[in-house]
Protein backbone atom coordinates (compact mmCIF):
# COMPACT_ATOMS: atom_id res chain seq x y z
CA UNK A 1 9.89 18.65 2.76
CA UNK A 2 9.77 15.64 0.75
CA UNK A 3 10.49 13.38 3.63
CA UNK A 4 7.38 14.89 5.49
CA UNK A 5 5.19 14.06 2.35
CA UNK A 6 6.75 10.33 2.29
CA UNK A 7 6.19 10.19 6.19
CA UNK A 8 2.39 11.40 5.72
CA UNK A 9 1.95 8.92 3.04
CA UNK A 10 3.29 6.18 4.89
CA UNK A 11 1.31 6.75 8.02
CA UNK A 12 -1.81 7.07 5.82
CA UNK A 13 -0.86 3.59 4.42
CA UNK A 14 -0.17 2.09 8.15
CA UNK A 15 -3.48 3.45 9.02
CA UNK A 16 -5.71 1.91 6.23
CA UNK A 17 -3.93 -1.43 6.32
CA UNK A 18 -4.42 -1.28 10.14
CA UNK A 19 -8.04 -0.97 9.82
CA UNK A 20 -8.11 -3.64 7.20
CA UNK A 21 -6.53 -6.33 9.29
CA UNK A 22 -8.38 -5.71 12.45
CA UNK A 23 -10.93 -8.19 11.70
CA UNK A 24 -8.65 -10.95 10.92
CA UNK A 25 -8.34 -13.95 13.30
CA UNK A 26 -4.51 -13.39 13.23
CA UNK A 27 -1.92 -11.76 10.98
CA UNK A 28 1.72 -12.72 10.02
CA UNK A 29 4.04 -9.73 8.89
CA UNK A 30 5.69 -10.82 5.55
CA UNK A 31 6.64 -9.68 2.05
CA UNK A 32 3.24 -8.51 1.31
CA UNK A 33 3.27 -6.21 4.28
CA UNK A 34 0.67 -7.88 6.50
CA UNK A 35 -1.24 -11.04 5.78
CA UNK A 36 -4.53 -11.89 7.03
CA UNK A 37 -5.66 -15.45 8.45
CA UNK A 38 -9.00 -16.57 8.99
CA UNK A 39 -7.61 -19.29 11.60
CA UNK A 40 -4.74 -19.43 13.98
CA UNK A 41 -1.95 -19.57 11.47
CA UNK A 42 -0.59 -16.06 12.05
CA UNK A 43 1.82 -14.63 14.46
CA UNK A 44 -0.38 -11.78 15.87
CA UNK A 45 -3.93 -11.56 16.92
CA UNK A 46 -5.77 -9.23 14.46
CA UNK A 47 -6.99 -6.64 17.00
CA UNK A 48 -3.55 -6.25 18.34
CA UNK A 49 -1.79 -5.98 14.84
CA UNK A 50 -4.38 -3.60 13.64
CA UNK A 51 -4.30 -1.49 16.90
CA UNK A 52 -0.18 -1.41 16.33
CA UNK A 53 -0.52 -0.43 12.82
CA UNK A 54 -2.87 2.24 13.58
CA UNK A 55 -0.76 3.66 16.08
CA UNK A 56 2.49 3.60 14.16
CA UNK A 57 0.59 5.38 11.40
CA UNK A 58 -0.72 8.09 13.49
CA UNK A 59 2.55 8.85 15.11
CA UNK A 60 4.14 8.97 11.70
CA UNK A 61 1.31 11.25 10.32
CA UNK A 62 1.61 13.64 13.18
CA UNK A 63 5.49 13.54 13.18
CA UNK A 64 5.30 14.71 9.67
CA UNK A 65 2.84 17.37 10.54
CA UNK A 66 5.30 18.47 12.96
CA UNK A 67 8.16 18.62 10.54
CA UNK A 68 5.80 20.93 8.19
CA UNK A 69 5.48 23.27 11.24
CA UNK A 70 9.22 23.70 11.83
CA UNK A 71 10.21 24.06 7.96
CA UNK A 72 11.64 27.36 7.29
């Protein structure tokens, strides 16, 4: 059950960070999780990185909800 809570929290963090980087010109993943650049210094365009982070967050969140549904 604790793992499900951690997955939900991680999914929420990914979703909110994805929304935060979607307006960036480019994004680089580093020790600070995701660094937003206003120029082309990053590795991935912001819309792609933001969409990917949101998608991973949604998958983690709903996987945790499915785990809650199967806990006895």
